[in-house]
Amino acid sequence: MNPATAARKRGSVHNCPMSSATPAVHFLRRNGVTFEEHTYRYEERGGTRVSARELGVNEHVIVKTLVMHDDEREPLIVLMHGDREVSTKQLARQIGRRSVEPCAPAVAERHTGYMVGGTSPFGTRKPLPVFIERTILELDRVYVNGGRRGFLVSLAPSEIVRVLGATAVDVSSLR
């Protein structure tokens, strides 16, 4: 059996020479998610624009993982298209909070266990509520951080909802 066939049988498909053993990858495998790994040259402050360019995909299918907290300082994750921003006012209204704002990088790292720029919604240090922009669910395949800088996993958005219990919200605004 060739390596690609063996990987498919394990529940993942790898297109990079070395498999990545991040908590996110372990979480996806444990939950039987079919995914592909993608590495690219990370650029500080390059964001989804750089990952889309490096992988040759539209920035709209790159999903950024944003760690935020509500008015009671409770952490949450928002998944948003790479070419869009989150309307924190709309998000707060839709989840029944007075306000929502991004966490400071050190706080986000403490909640997730991931370094900013390498934050994945999968395999976080502690389970966090996850909210996903509803229009992401209309896509066939998306690219989400795999747990380190310069590393994304691609998968069906329905799998994100299945394994994380993500709640769909309408909070997208243009950049």
C-alpha atoms as a PDB file:
ATOM      1  CA  MET A   1       0.000   0.000   0.000  1.00  0.00           C
ATOM      2  CA  ASN A   2       1.462   3.374  -0.962  1.00  0.00           C
ATOM      3  CA  PRO A   3       1.806   6.137   1.704  1.00  0.00           C
ATOM      4  CA  ALA A   4      -1.046   8.262   0.278  1.00  0.00           C
ATOM      5  CA  THR A   5      -3.479   5.332   0.425  1.00  0.00           C
ATOM      6  CA  ALA A   6      -2.371   4.480   3.959  1.00  0.00           C
ATOM      7  CA  ALA A   7      -2.866   8.108   5.026  1.00  0.00           C
ATOM      8  CA  ARG A   8      -6.392   8.149   3.594  1.00  0.00           C
ATOM      9  CA  LYS A   9      -7.237   5.022   5.550  1.00  0.00           C
ATOM     10  CA  ARG A  10      -6.013   6.730   8.761  1.00  0.00           C
ATOM     11  CA  GLY A  11      -8.407   9.628   8.121  1.00  0.00           C
ATOM     12  CA  SER A  12      -6.009  12.220   6.756  1.00  0.00           C
ATOM     13  CA  VAL A  13      -4.268  13.066   3.540  1.00  0.00           C
ATOM     14  CA  HIS A  14      -0.839  14.653   3.598  1.00  0.00           C
ATOM     15  CA  ASN A  15       0.739  16.630   0.806  1.00  0.00           C
ATOM     16  CA  CYS A  16       3.884  17.633   2.658  1.00  0.00           C
ATOM     17  CA  PRO A  17       6.864  15.349   3.137  1.00  0.00           C
ATOM     18  CA  MET A  18       6.702  15.222   6.921  1.00  0.00           C
ATOM     19  CA  SER A  19       3.542  14.871   8.941  1.00  0.00           C
ATOM     20  CA  SER A  20       3.030  17.570  11.560  1.00  0.00           C
ATOM     21  CA  ALA A  21       2.425  16.425  15.101  1.00  0.00           C
ATOM     22  CA  THR A  22       0.602  19.469  16.456  1.00  0.00           C
ATOM     23  CA  PRO A  23      -2.251  19.212  18.976  1.00  0.00           C
ATOM     24  CA  ALA A  24      -4.566  20.280  16.128  1.00  0.00           C
ATOM     25  CA  VAL A  25      -3.481  17.374  13.908  1.00  0.00           C
ATOM     26  CA  HIS A  26      -3.826  14.912  16.788  1.00  0.00           C
ATOM     27  CA  PHE A  27      -7.334  16.277  17.498  1.00  0.00           C
ATOM     28  CA  LEU A  28      -8.385  15.955  13.839  1.00  0.00           C
ATOM     29  CA  ARG A  29      -7.087  12.388  13.604  1.00  0.00           C
ATOM     30  CA  ARG A  30      -8.755  11.382  16.885  1.00  0.00           C
ATOM     31  CA  ASN A  31     -12.047  12.705  15.543  1.00  0.00           C
ATOM     32  CA  GLY A  32     -11.782  10.945  12.177  1.00  0.00           C
ATOM     33  CA  VAL A  33     -11.543  14.114  10.091  1.00  0.00           C
ATOM     34  CA  THR A  34     -10.279  13.830   6.523  1.00  0.00           C
ATOM     35  CA  PHE A  35      -7.873  16.698   5.903  1.00  0.00           C
ATOM     36  CA  GLU A  36      -4.795  17.705   3.959  1.00  0.00           C
ATOM     37  CA  GLU A  37      -1.718  19.428   5.356  1.00  0.00           C
ATOM     38  CA  HIS A  38      -0.232  22.477   3.651  1.00  0.00           C
ATOM     39  CA  THR A  39       2.981  24.226   4.584  1.00  0.00           C
ATOM     40  CA  TYR A  40       4.097  27.612   3.319  1.00  0.00           C
ATOM     41  CA  ARG A  41       6.744  30.211   4.047  1.00  0.00           C
ATOM     42  CA  TYR A  42       5.384  32.230   6.976  1.00  0.00           C
ATOM     43  CA  GLU A  43       5.863  35.996   6.971  1.00  0.00           C
ATOM     44  CA  GLU A  44       5.494  38.015  10.170  1.00  0.00           C
ATOM     45  CA  ARG A  45       2.301  40.111   9.947  1.00  0.00           C
ATOM     46  CA  GLY A  46       1.565  38.630   6.507  1.00  0.00           C
ATOM     47  CA  GLY A  47      -1.719  37.070   7.595  1.00  0.00           C
ATOM     48  CA  THR A  48      -4.090  35.310   5.267  1.00  0.00           C
ATOM     49  CA  ARG A  49      -2.940  37.372   2.294  1.00  0.00           C
ATOM     50  CA  VAL A  50       0.453  35.641   2.406  1.00  0.00           C
ATOM     51  CA  SER A  51      -0.875  32.136   3.052  1.00  0.00           C
ATOM     52  CA  ALA A  52      -3.342  32.485   0.151  1.00  0.00           C
ATOM     53  CA  ARG A  53      -0.596  33.711  -2.161  1.00  0.00           C
ATOM     54  CA  GLU A  54       1.845  30.992  -1.105  1.00  0.00           C
ATOM     55  CA  LEU A  55      -0.739  28.216  -1.501  1.00  0.00           C
ATOM     56  CA  GLY A  56      -2.229  29.630  -4.703  1.00  0.00           C
ATOM     57  CA  VAL A  57      -5.787  29.869  -3.373  1.00  0.00           C
ATOM     58  CA  ASN A  58      -8.308  32.661  -2.969  1.00  0.00           C
ATOM     59  CA  GLU A  59      -7.983  34.477   0.364  1.00  0.00           C
ATOM     60  CA  HIS A  60     -11.736  33.982   0.892  1.00  0.00           C
ATOM     61  CA  VAL A  61     -11.201  30.225   1.525  1.00  0.00           C
ATOM     62  CA  ILE A  62      -8.502  30.854   4.122  1.00  0.00           C
ATOM     63  CA  VAL A  63     -10.231  30.901   7.518  1.00  0.00           C
ATOM     64  CA  LYS A  64      -8.593  32.869  10.289  1.00  0.00           C
ATOM     65  CA  THR A  65      -8.928  31.798  13.915  1.00  0.00           C
ATOM     66  CA  LEU A  66      -9.600  34.816  16.123  1.00  0.00           C
ATOM     67  CA  VAL A  67      -9.481  34.528  19.905  1.00  0.00           C
ATOM     68  CA  MET A  68     -11.766  37.013  21.598  1.00  0.00           C
ATOM     69  CA  HIS A  69     -13.448  37.510  24.942  1.00  0.00           C
ATOM     70  CA  ASP A  70     -16.831  38.805  25.990  1.00  0.00           C
ATOM     71  CA  ASP A  71     -17.776  41.459  28.536  1.00  0.00           C
ATOM     72  CA  GLU A  72     -17.242  38.906  31.338  1.00  0.00           C
ATOM     73  CA  ARG A  73     -13.732  38.118  29.994  1.00  0.00           C
ATOM     74  CA  GLU A  74     -14.855  34.641  28.907  1.00  0.00           C
ATOM     75  CA  PRO A  75     -12.804  33.489  25.880  1.00  0.00           C
ATOM     76  CA  LEU A  76     -14.291  32.388  22.583  1.00  0.00           C
ATOM     77  CA  ILE A  77     -13.100  31.659  19.062  1.00  0.00           C
ATOM     78  CA  VAL A  78     -14.442  33.240  15.892  1.00  0.00           C
ATOM     79  CA  LEU A  79     -13.698  31.702  12.493  1.00  0.00           C
ATOM     80  CA  MET A  80     -13.796  34.257   9.673  1.00  0.00           C
ATOM     81  CA  HIS A  81     -12.912  34.444   5.979  1.00  0.00           C
ATOM     82  CA  GLY A  82      -9.388  35.732   5.444  1.00  0.00           C
ATOM     83  CA  ASP A  83     -10.614  38.643   3.334  1.00  0.00           C
ATOM     84  CA  ARG A  84     -13.229  39.797   5.851  1.00  0.00           C
ATOM     85  CA  GLU A  85     -13.374  41.292   9.331  1.00  0.00           C
ATOM     86  CA  VAL A  86     -15.579  40.450  12.309  1.00  0.00           C
ATOM     87  CA  SER A  87     -18.220  42.958  13.345  1.00  0.00           C
ATOM     88  CA  THR A  88     -17.794  42.613  17.109  1.00  0.00           C
ATOM     89  CA  LYS A  89     -21.037  44.547  17.694  1.00  0.00           C
ATOM     90  CA  GLN A  90     -23.015  42.095  15.562  1.00  0.00           C
ATOM     91  CA  LEU A  91     -21.260  39.168  17.241  1.00  0.00           C
ATOM     92  CA  ALA A  92     -22.051  40.439  20.744  1.00  0.00           C
ATOM     93  CA  ARG A  93     -25.705  40.955  19.785  1.00  0.00           C
ATOM     94  CA  GLN A  94     -25.998  37.477  18.213  1.00  0.00           C
ATOM     95  CA  ILE A  95     -24.466  35.653  21.178  1.00  0.00           C
ATOM     96  CA  GLY A  96     -26.297  37.706  23.803  1.00  0.00           C
ATOM     97  CA  ARG A  97     -23.344  39.641  25.238  1.00  0.00           C
ATOM     98  CA  ARG A  98     -22.883  43.354  25.847  1.00  0.00           C
ATOM     99  CA  SER A  99     -19.536  43.380  24.051  1.00  0.00           C
ATOM    100  CA  VAL A 100     -16.885  41.213  22.430  1.00  0.00           C
ATOM    101  CA  GLU A 101     -13.307  42.188  21.666  1.00  0.00           C
ATOM    102  CA  PRO A 102     -10.052  40.518  20.604  1.00  0.00           C
ATOM    103  CA  CYS A 103      -7.844  39.112  23.366  1.00  0.00           C
ATOM    104  CA  ALA A 104      -4.310  40.380  23.839  1.00  0.00           C
ATOM    105  CA  PRO A 105      -1.827  37.964  22.192  1.00  0.00           C
ATOM    106  CA  ALA A 106      -0.516  36.638  25.526  1.00  0.00           C
ATOM    107  CA  VAL A 107      -4.067  35.994  26.741  1.00  0.00           C
ATOM    108  CA  ALA A 108      -4.996  34.254  23.474  1.00  0.00           C
ATOM    109  CA  GLU A 109      -1.906  32.033  23.797  1.00  0.00           C
ATOM    110  CA  ARG A 110      -2.799  31.187  27.390  1.00  0.00           C
ATOM    111  CA  HIS A 111      -6.354  30.160  26.415  1.00  0.00           C
ATOM    112  CA  THR A 112      -5.428  28.129  23.337  1.00  0.00           C
ATOM    113  CA  GLY A 113      -1.878  26.912  23.904  1.00  0.00           C
ATOM    114  CA  TYR A 114      -0.949  28.244  20.452  1.00  0.00           C
ATOM    115  CA  MET A 115       1.343  31.080  19.454  1.00  0.00           C
ATOM    116  CA  VAL A 116      -0.386  33.959  17.670  1.00  0.00           C
ATOM    117  CA  GLY A 117       0.027  33.382  13.936  1.00  0.00           C
ATOM    118  CA  GLY A 118      -0.262  29.644  14.548  1.00  0.00           C
ATOM    119  CA  THR A 119      -3.595  29.510  16.392  1.00  0.00           C
ATOM    120  CA  SER A 120      -5.842  26.623  15.442  1.00  0.00           C
ATOM    121  CA  PRO A 121      -9.413  26.120  16.638  1.00  0.00           C
ATOM    122  CA  PHE A 122      -8.595  22.396  16.940  1.00  0.00           C
ATOM    123  CA  GLY A 123      -6.823  20.925  19.948  1.00  0.00           C
ATOM    124  CA  THR A 124      -6.917  24.043  22.108  1.00  0.00           C
ATOM    125  CA  ARG A 125      -5.595  23.861  25.664  1.00  0.00           C
ATOM    126  CA  LYS A 126      -9.169  23.969  26.942  1.00  0.00           C
ATOM    127  CA  PRO A 127     -12.409  23.669  24.963  1.00  0.00           C
ATOM    128  CA  LEU A 128     -13.677  27.097  23.928  1.00  0.00           C
ATOM    129  CA  PRO A 129     -16.982  28.094  22.339  1.00  0.00           C
ATOM    130  CA  VAL A 130     -16.488  28.422  18.573  1.00  0.00           C
ATOM    131  CA  PHE A 131     -18.493  30.701  16.285  1.00  0.00           C
ATOM    132  CA  ILE A 132     -18.165  30.368  12.521  1.00  0.00           C
ATOM    133  CA  GLU A 133     -19.215  32.920   9.917  1.00  0.00           C
ATOM    134  CA  ARG A 134     -22.248  31.331   8.239  1.00  0.00           C
ATOM    135  CA  THR A 135     -20.980  31.956   4.684  1.00  0.00           C
ATOM    136  CA  ILE A 136     -17.925  29.767   5.367  1.00  0.00           C
ATOM    137  CA  LEU A 137     -20.330  26.823   5.479  1.00  0.00           C
ATOM    138  CA  GLU A 138     -21.258  27.480   1.832  1.00  0.00           C
ATOM    139  CA  LEU A 139     -17.711  26.637   0.676  1.00  0.00           C
ATOM    140  CA  ASP A 140     -16.633  23.135  -0.372  1.00  0.00           C
ATOM    141  CA  ARG A 141     -13.219  23.291   1.274  1.00  0.00           C
ATOM    142  CA  VAL A 142     -11.440  25.745   3.565  1.00  0.00           C
ATOM    143  CA  TYR A 143      -7.921  26.211   4.897  1.00  0.00           C
ATOM    144  CA  VAL A 144      -7.534  26.617   8.662  1.00  0.00           C
ATOM    145  CA  ASN A 145      -4.405  26.948  10.789  1.00  0.00           C
ATOM    146  CA  GLY A 146      -3.022  23.565  11.768  1.00  0.00           C
ATOM    147  CA  GLY A 147      -1.346  24.642  14.996  1.00  0.00           C
ATOM    148  CA  ARG A 148       1.828  26.424  14.002  1.00  0.00           C
ATOM    149  CA  ARG A 149       2.973  29.305  11.850  1.00  0.00           C
ATOM    150  CA  GLY A 150       3.234  28.404   8.177  1.00  0.00           C
ATOM    151  CA  PHE A 151       0.972  25.361   8.460  1.00  0.00           C
ATOM    152  CA  LEU A 152      -2.667  25.063   7.365  1.00  0.00           C
ATOM    153  CA  VAL A 153      -5.034  22.126   7.052  1.00  0.00           C
ATOM    154  CA  SER A 154      -7.751  21.984   4.417  1.00  0.00           C
ATOM    155  CA  LEU A 155     -11.050  20.286   5.119  1.00  0.00           C
ATOM    156  CA  ALA A 156     -14.786  20.517   4.565  1.00  0.00           C
ATOM    157  CA  PRO A 157     -16.368  23.274   6.684  1.00  0.00           C
ATOM    158  CA  SER A 158     -19.048  20.826   7.839  1.00  0.00           C
ATOM    159  CA  GLU A 159     -16.293  18.955   9.693  1.00  0.00           C
ATOM    160  CA  ILE A 160     -15.501  22.085  11.711  1.00  0.00           C
ATOM    161  CA  VAL A 161     -19.098  22.218  12.884  1.00  0.00           C
ATOM    162  CA  ARG A 162     -19.154  18.482  13.576  1.00  0.00           C
ATOM    163  CA  VAL A 163     -15.999  18.238  15.685  1.00  0.00           C
ATOM    164  CA  LEU A 164     -16.104  21.636  17.413  1.00  0.00           C
ATOM    165  CA  GLY A 165     -19.842  22.153  17.740  1.00  0.00           C
ATOM    166  CA  ALA A 166     -19.311  25.533  16.075  1.00  0.00           C
ATOM    167  CA  THR A 167     -22.283  27.888  16.000  1.00  0.00           C
ATOM    168  CA  ALA A 168     -22.996  29.727  12.745  1.00  0.00           C
ATOM    169  CA  VAL A 169     -23.229  33.535  13.009  1.00  0.00           C
ATOM    170  CA  ASP A 170     -23.621  36.402  10.532  1.00  0.00           C
ATOM    171  CA  VAL A 171     -20.851  38.805  11.574  1.00  0.00           C
ATOM    172  CA  SER A 172     -18.800  39.403   8.431  1.00  0.00           C
ATOM    173  CA  SER A 173     -17.812  42.882   7.288  1.00  0.00           C
ATOM    174  CA  LEU A 174     -15.506  43.919   4.474  1.00  0.00           C
ATOM    175  CA  ARG A 175     -11.945  44.879   5.328  1.00  0.00           C
END
